[in-house]
Amino acid sequence: MSKSLSRIYIHALWSTKRRMPLITSEIEHELHNHLRKELIKLRCEPYAINGMSDHVHCLFQLNPKLKVIDIMKQIKGSSAHHLNHHYENEHVIWQRGFSVFSVSKGVLPIVKRYIENQKSHHEK
């Protein structure tokens, strides 16, 4: 085989420090846009980004040339830096860890829908 093929989908999630409700409605859209741009820069195609005031979910295709830990470090660090420098009254700090799960192509639409519907999911 002369070419390599990789289709690895990742569901990542992480929380604000001490699960504090730091992601306000004023910064949520900016946060999601920034995360989307960072994933694209890393050549990790984003499929869904959403969350609540104390956590974020991302579904993306893994760039096989990168390590998951490096991707997470980049998107968490750059997003906190971006928000903290563009919003004077906000101070976003992420917890150190994160969770990542591989997702098979067959359940990709289900996970995508789950992430997109975070608000209604957490109302229950």
N, C-alpha and C. Protein backbone atom coordinates (compact mmCIF):
# COMPACT_ATOMS: atom_id res chain seq x y z
N MET A 1 0.85 -1.17 0.00
CA MET A 1 0.00 0.00 0.00
C MET A 1 0.91 1.24 0.00
N SER A 2 0.74 2.11 -0.99
CA SER A 2 1.61 3.26 -1.11
C SER A 2 1.17 4.45 -0.27
N LYS A 3 -0.07 4.48 0.13
CA LYS A 3 -0.57 5.59 0.94
C LYS A 3 -1.09 5.07 2.28
N SER A 4 -1.09 5.96 3.25
CA SER A 4 -1.63 5.61 4.56
C SER A 4 -2.99 6.26 4.72
N LEU A 5 -3.88 5.58 5.38
CA LEU A 5 -5.22 6.11 5.64
C LEU A 5 -5.48 6.06 7.13
N SER A 6 -5.93 7.17 7.67
CA SER A 6 -6.23 7.23 9.10
C SER A 6 -7.56 7.94 9.29
N ARG A 7 -8.48 7.30 9.98
CA ARG A 7 -9.76 7.90 10.34
C ARG A 7 -9.99 7.62 11.82
N ILE A 8 -9.41 8.48 12.66
CA ILE A 8 -9.55 8.32 14.10
C ILE A 8 -10.32 9.53 14.62
N TYR A 9 -11.46 9.27 15.21
CA TYR A 9 -12.32 10.34 15.72
C TYR A 9 -12.20 10.37 17.24
N ILE A 10 -12.08 11.58 17.77
CA ILE A 10 -11.87 11.77 19.20
C ILE A 10 -12.98 12.63 19.80
N HIS A 11 -13.53 12.17 20.92
CA HIS A 11 -14.45 12.97 21.73
C HIS A 11 -13.64 13.39 22.95
N ALA A 12 -13.36 14.68 23.03
CA ALA A 12 -12.57 15.21 24.15
C ALA A 12 -13.44 16.09 25.02
N LEU A 13 -13.19 16.06 26.31
CA LEU A 13 -13.89 16.98 27.20
C LEU A 13 -12.99 17.35 28.36
N TRP A 14 -13.20 18.57 28.84
CA TRP A 14 -12.43 19.07 29.96
C TRP A 14 -13.26 20.12 30.69
N SER A 15 -12.84 20.39 31.91
CA SER A 15 -13.62 21.27 32.79
C SER A 15 -12.83 22.50 33.19
N THR A 16 -13.59 23.47 33.66
CA THR A 16 -12.97 24.65 34.26
C THR A 16 -12.42 24.24 35.63
N LYS A 17 -11.52 25.01 36.14
CA LYS A 17 -10.93 24.73 37.45
C LYS A 17 -12.04 24.68 38.51
N ARG A 18 -12.04 23.62 39.28
CA ARG A 18 -13.04 23.37 40.34
C ARG A 18 -14.47 23.40 39.81
N ARG A 19 -14.63 23.14 38.53
CA ARG A 19 -15.96 23.12 37.87
C ARG A 19 -16.72 24.43 38.11
N MET A 20 -15.97 25.52 38.18
CA MET A 20 -16.58 26.84 38.35
C MET A 20 -17.28 27.22 37.04
N PRO A 21 -18.44 27.89 37.13
CA PRO A 21 -19.18 28.29 35.92
C PRO A 21 -18.55 29.51 35.26
N LEU A 22 -17.39 29.33 34.65
CA LEU A 22 -16.62 30.44 34.09
C LEU A 22 -16.94 30.74 32.63
N ILE A 23 -17.58 29.80 31.95
CA ILE A 23 -17.89 30.01 30.53
C ILE A 23 -19.27 30.67 30.45
N THR A 24 -19.25 31.98 30.41
CA THR A 24 -20.49 32.75 30.38
C THR A 24 -21.07 32.76 28.97
N SER A 25 -22.32 33.13 28.87
CA SER A 25 -22.96 33.21 27.56
C SER A 25 -22.28 34.25 26.68
N GLU A 26 -21.64 35.25 27.30
CA GLU A 26 -20.94 36.29 26.54
C GLU A 26 -19.69 35.77 25.83
N ILE A 27 -19.03 34.77 26.40
CA ILE A 27 -17.79 34.29 25.80
C ILE A 27 -17.91 32.91 25.14
N GLU A 28 -19.03 32.25 25.33
CA GLU A 28 -19.18 30.89 24.83
C GLU A 28 -18.96 30.79 23.32
N HIS A 29 -19.59 31.66 22.54
CA HIS A 29 -19.46 31.61 21.08
C HIS A 29 -18.01 31.85 20.66
N GLU A 30 -17.36 32.82 21.30
CA GLU A 30 -15.95 33.12 21.00
C GLU A 30 -15.06 31.93 21.33
N LEU A 31 -15.32 31.28 22.46
CA LEU A 31 -14.55 30.10 22.85
C LEU A 31 -14.68 29.00 21.80
N HIS A 32 -15.91 28.71 21.40
CA HIS A 32 -16.14 27.64 20.43
C HIS A 32 -15.49 27.96 19.09
N ASN A 33 -15.58 29.21 18.66
CA ASN A 33 -14.93 29.61 17.41
C ASN A 33 -13.41 29.47 17.50
N HIS A 34 -12.86 29.87 18.63
CA HIS A 34 -11.41 29.77 18.80
C HIS A 34 -10.97 28.30 18.78
N LEU A 35 -11.68 27.45 19.48
CA LEU A 35 -11.35 26.02 19.48
C LEU A 35 -11.42 25.44 18.08
N ARG A 36 -12.45 25.81 17.33
CA ARG A 36 -12.61 25.33 15.95
C ARG A 36 -11.40 25.76 15.11
N LYS A 37 -11.00 27.03 15.22
CA LYS A 37 -9.85 27.53 14.44
C LYS A 37 -8.56 26.82 14.84
N GLU A 38 -8.37 26.58 16.12
CA GLU A 38 -7.16 25.89 16.58
C GLU A 38 -7.11 24.46 16.05
N LEU A 39 -8.24 23.76 16.09
CA LEU A 39 -8.27 22.39 15.58
C LEU A 39 -7.97 22.37 14.08
N ILE A 40 -8.51 23.33 13.36
CA ILE A 40 -8.24 23.41 11.92
C ILE A 40 -6.75 23.67 11.67
N LYS A 41 -6.16 24.57 12.46
CA LYS A 41 -4.72 24.84 12.32
C LYS A 41 -3.89 23.58 12.55
N LEU A 42 -4.36 22.74 13.46
CA LEU A 42 -3.66 21.49 13.77
C LEU A 42 -4.01 20.36 12.78
N ARG A 43 -4.83 20.68 11.82
CA ARG A 43 -5.32 19.71 10.81
C ARG A 43 -6.10 18.57 11.46
N CYS A 44 -6.90 18.97 12.45
CA CYS A 44 -7.83 18.05 13.10
C CYS A 44 -9.23 18.57 12.78
N GLU A 45 -9.90 17.92 11.86
CA GLU A 45 -11.21 18.42 11.43
C GLU A 45 -12.22 18.40 12.57
N PRO A 46 -12.76 19.57 12.94
CA PRO A 46 -13.76 19.60 14.02
C PRO A 46 -15.14 19.21 13.49
N TYR A 47 -15.86 18.41 14.28
CA TYR A 47 -17.21 17.99 13.92
C TYR A 47 -18.25 18.63 14.83
N ALA A 48 -17.92 18.82 16.11
CA ALA A 48 -18.87 19.44 17.04
C ALA A 48 -18.09 20.01 18.23
N ILE A 49 -18.52 21.19 18.67
CA ILE A 49 -17.95 21.82 19.86
C ILE A 49 -19.10 22.46 20.61
N ASN A 50 -19.20 22.14 21.88
CA ASN A 50 -20.27 22.70 22.71
C ASN A 50 -19.93 22.40 24.17
N GLY A 51 -20.80 22.79 25.05
CA GLY A 51 -20.57 22.51 26.45
C GLY A 51 -21.51 23.29 27.34
N MET A 52 -21.09 23.44 28.56
CA MET A 52 -21.86 24.15 29.57
C MET A 52 -20.94 25.19 30.21
N SER A 53 -21.42 25.84 31.25
CA SER A 53 -20.64 26.90 31.88
C SER A 53 -19.38 26.39 32.58
N ASP A 54 -19.32 25.07 32.81
CA ASP A 54 -18.17 24.52 33.53
C ASP A 54 -17.40 23.44 32.78
N HIS A 55 -17.76 23.16 31.53
CA HIS A 55 -17.01 22.17 30.76
C HIS A 55 -17.25 22.33 29.26
N VAL A 56 -16.35 21.70 28.49
CA VAL A 56 -16.39 21.78 27.03
C VAL A 56 -16.26 20.37 26.46
N HIS A 57 -17.00 20.13 25.37
CA HIS A 57 -16.89 18.88 24.60
C HIS A 57 -16.43 19.25 23.19
N CYS A 58 -15.52 18.46 22.64
CA CYS A 58 -15.09 18.62 21.25
C CYS A 58 -15.08 17.24 20.58
N LEU A 59 -15.58 17.20 19.38
CA LEU A 59 -15.50 15.99 18.56
C LEU A 59 -14.69 16.37 17.32
N PHE A 60 -13.59 15.67 17.10
CA PHE A 60 -12.74 16.01 15.96
C PHE A 60 -12.04 14.77 15.41
N GLN A 61 -11.57 14.90 14.18
CA GLN A 61 -10.79 13.84 13.57
C GLN A 61 -9.33 14.08 13.91
N LEU A 62 -8.68 13.09 14.42
CA LEU A 62 -7.30 13.19 14.86
C LEU A 62 -6.35 13.28 13.66
N ASN A 63 -5.43 14.23 13.73
CA ASN A 63 -4.34 14.29 12.78
C ASN A 63 -3.35 13.21 13.22
N PRO A 64 -3.11 12.18 12.41
CA PRO A 64 -2.27 11.06 12.85
C PRO A 64 -0.82 11.44 13.08
N LYS A 65 -0.41 12.63 12.67
CA LYS A 65 0.97 13.07 12.88
C LYS A 65 1.16 13.71 14.26
N LEU A 66 0.06 13.89 14.99
CA LEU A 66 0.12 14.56 16.29
C LEU A 66 -0.30 13.62 17.41
N LYS A 67 0.19 13.91 18.60
CA LYS A 67 -0.23 13.17 19.80
C LYS A 67 -1.45 13.88 20.39
N VAL A 68 -2.36 13.10 20.92
CA VAL A 68 -3.57 13.66 21.54
C VAL A 68 -3.20 14.64 22.64
N ILE A 69 -2.22 14.29 23.45
CA ILE A 69 -1.85 15.17 24.57
C ILE A 69 -1.35 16.52 24.07
N ASP A 70 -0.65 16.54 22.93
CA ASP A 70 -0.18 17.80 22.37
C ASP A 70 -1.33 18.64 21.82
N ILE A 71 -2.30 17.98 21.22
CA ILE A 71 -3.49 18.69 20.72
C ILE A 71 -4.24 19.31 21.89
N MET A 72 -4.45 18.54 22.94
CA MET A 72 -5.19 19.03 24.09
C MET A 72 -4.46 20.19 24.76
N LYS A 73 -3.17 20.07 24.90
CA LYS A 73 -2.37 21.15 25.50
C LYS A 73 -2.53 22.43 24.68
N GLN A 74 -2.48 22.31 23.36
CA GLN A 74 -2.59 23.47 22.48
C GLN A 74 -3.98 24.11 22.55
N ILE A 75 -5.02 23.32 22.43
CA ILE A 75 -6.36 23.94 22.38
C ILE A 75 -6.80 24.47 23.74
N LYS A 76 -6.41 23.79 24.82
CA LYS A 76 -6.75 24.31 26.14
C LYS A 76 -5.96 25.57 26.46
N GLY A 77 -4.66 25.52 26.23
CA GLY A 77 -3.81 26.67 26.54
C GLY A 77 -4.13 27.89 25.70
N SER A 78 -4.28 27.69 24.40
CA SER A 78 -4.55 28.84 23.53
C SER A 78 -5.93 29.43 23.78
N SER A 79 -6.90 28.59 24.10
CA SER A 79 -8.26 29.12 24.34
C SER A 79 -8.31 29.94 25.63
N ALA A 80 -7.67 29.46 26.69
CA ALA A 80 -7.64 30.24 27.94
C ALA A 80 -6.91 31.56 27.72
N HIS A 81 -5.78 31.50 27.04
CA HIS A 81 -5.01 32.72 26.76
C HIS A 81 -5.84 33.70 25.93
N HIS A 82 -6.48 33.20 24.89
CA HIS A 82 -7.29 34.05 24.02
C HIS A 82 -8.43 34.74 24.79
N LEU A 83 -9.18 33.98 25.54
CA LEU A 83 -10.31 34.55 26.28
C LEU A 83 -9.85 35.54 27.34
N ASN A 84 -8.80 35.18 28.06
CA ASN A 84 -8.33 36.05 29.15
C ASN A 84 -7.72 37.35 28.64
N HIS A 85 -7.30 37.38 27.39
CA HIS A 85 -6.74 38.62 26.84
C HIS A 85 -7.76 39.43 26.05
N HIS A 86 -8.91 38.84 25.72
CA HIS A 86 -9.93 39.57 24.96
C HIS A 86 -11.13 39.99 25.79
N TYR A 87 -11.26 39.44 26.96
CA TYR A 87 -12.39 39.77 27.84
C TYR A 87 -11.84 40.16 29.20
N GLU A 88 -11.85 41.44 29.48
CA GLU A 88 -11.25 41.95 30.72
C GLU A 88 -11.91 41.41 31.98
N ASN A 89 -13.22 41.23 31.94
CA ASN A 89 -13.95 40.82 33.15
C ASN A 89 -14.04 39.30 33.31
N GLU A 90 -13.47 38.56 32.38
CA GLU A 90 -13.53 37.10 32.45
C GLU A 90 -12.15 36.54 32.75
N HIS A 91 -12.10 35.45 33.47
CA HIS A 91 -10.83 34.79 33.74
C HIS A 91 -11.07 33.29 33.69
N VAL A 92 -10.75 32.69 32.57
CA VAL A 92 -10.98 31.26 32.37
C VAL A 92 -9.71 30.48 32.69
N ILE A 93 -9.85 29.50 33.56
CA ILE A 93 -8.75 28.60 33.91
C ILE A 93 -9.30 27.18 33.78
N TRP A 94 -8.57 26.34 33.05
CA TRP A 94 -8.98 24.95 32.89
C TRP A 94 -8.35 24.08 33.96
N GLN A 95 -9.05 23.00 34.32
CA GLN A 95 -8.43 21.98 35.17
C GLN A 95 -7.28 21.35 34.39
N ARG A 96 -6.35 20.75 35.10
CA ARG A 96 -5.18 20.16 34.45
C ARG A 96 -5.52 19.04 33.49
N GLY A 97 -6.39 18.16 33.88
CA GLY A 97 -6.66 16.96 33.08
C GLY A 97 -7.69 17.17 31.99
N PHE A 98 -7.98 16.07 31.34
CA PHE A 98 -9.00 16.03 30.30
C PHE A 98 -9.37 14.57 30.09
N SER A 99 -10.44 14.35 29.37
CA SER A 99 -10.84 12.99 28.99
C SER A 99 -10.92 12.94 27.48
N VAL A 100 -10.46 11.84 26.90
CA VAL A 100 -10.60 11.62 25.47
C VAL A 100 -11.06 10.19 25.23
N PHE A 101 -11.94 10.06 24.26
CA PHE A 101 -12.49 8.76 23.91
C PHE A 101 -12.46 8.61 22.40
N SER A 102 -12.09 7.44 21.92
CA SER A 102 -12.17 7.20 20.48
C SER A 102 -13.63 6.91 20.13
N VAL A 103 -14.00 7.33 18.94
CA VAL A 103 -15.38 7.18 18.49
C VAL A 103 -15.36 6.48 17.14
N SER A 104 -16.14 5.42 16.99
CA SER A 104 -16.19 4.74 15.70
C SER A 104 -17.04 5.54 14.73
N LYS A 105 -16.75 5.38 13.46
CA LYS A 105 -17.45 6.13 12.42
C LYS A 105 -18.97 5.89 12.49
N GLY A 106 -19.37 4.70 12.87
CA GLY A 106 -20.78 4.35 12.93
C GLY A 106 -21.58 5.15 13.96
N VAL A 107 -20.93 5.54 15.06
CA VAL A 107 -21.64 6.29 16.10
C VAL A 107 -21.30 7.78 16.08
N LEU A 108 -20.53 8.20 15.09
CA LEU A 108 -20.16 9.61 14.97
C LEU A 108 -21.39 10.53 14.99
N PRO A 109 -22.45 10.24 14.24
CA PRO A 109 -23.63 11.13 14.29
C PRO A 109 -24.29 11.19 15.67
N ILE A 110 -24.26 10.10 16.40
CA ILE A 110 -24.87 10.07 17.74
C ILE A 110 -24.07 10.93 18.70
N VAL A 111 -22.75 10.81 18.68
CA VAL A 111 -21.90 11.61 19.56
C VAL A 111 -21.99 13.08 19.18
N LYS A 112 -22.03 13.36 17.89
CA LYS A 112 -22.16 14.74 17.41
C LYS A 112 -23.46 15.36 17.94
N ARG A 113 -24.55 14.63 17.82
CA ARG A 113 -25.85 15.11 18.31
C ARG A 113 -25.82 15.31 19.83
N TYR A 114 -25.19 14.39 20.55
CA TYR A 114 -25.05 14.50 22.01
C TYR A 114 -24.32 15.80 22.38
N ILE A 115 -23.24 16.10 21.69
CA ILE A 115 -22.47 17.31 21.98
C ILE A 115 -23.27 18.55 21.61
N GLU A 116 -23.91 18.53 20.46
CA GLU A 116 -24.69 19.70 20.02
C GLU A 116 -25.87 19.98 20.95
N ASN A 117 -26.36 18.96 21.64
CA ASN A 117 -27.53 19.12 22.50
C ASN A 117 -27.16 19.15 23.99
N GLN A 118 -26.00 19.65 24.31
CA GLN A 118 -25.54 19.69 25.71
C GLN A 118 -26.51 20.43 26.63
N LYS A 119 -27.03 21.54 26.18
CA LYS A 119 -27.92 22.35 27.05
C LYS A 119 -29.15 21.52 27.44
N SER A 120 -29.81 20.91 26.48
CA SER A 120 -30.99 20.13 26.81
C SER A 120 -30.63 18.87 27.59
N HIS A 121 -29.49 18.27 27.30
CA HIS A 121 -29.04 17.08 28.03
C HIS A 121 -28.86 17.40 29.52
N HIS A 122 -28.29 18.56 29.83
CA HIS A 122 -28.03 18.90 31.24
C HIS A 122 -29.25 19.47 31.95
N GLU A 123 -30.31 19.78 31.22
CA GLU A 123 -31.56 20.21 31.86
C GLU A 123 -32.25 19.04 32.55
N LYS A 124 -32.00 17.82 32.05
CA LYS A 124 -32.70 16.64 32.57
C LYS A 124 -32.17 16.24 33.92
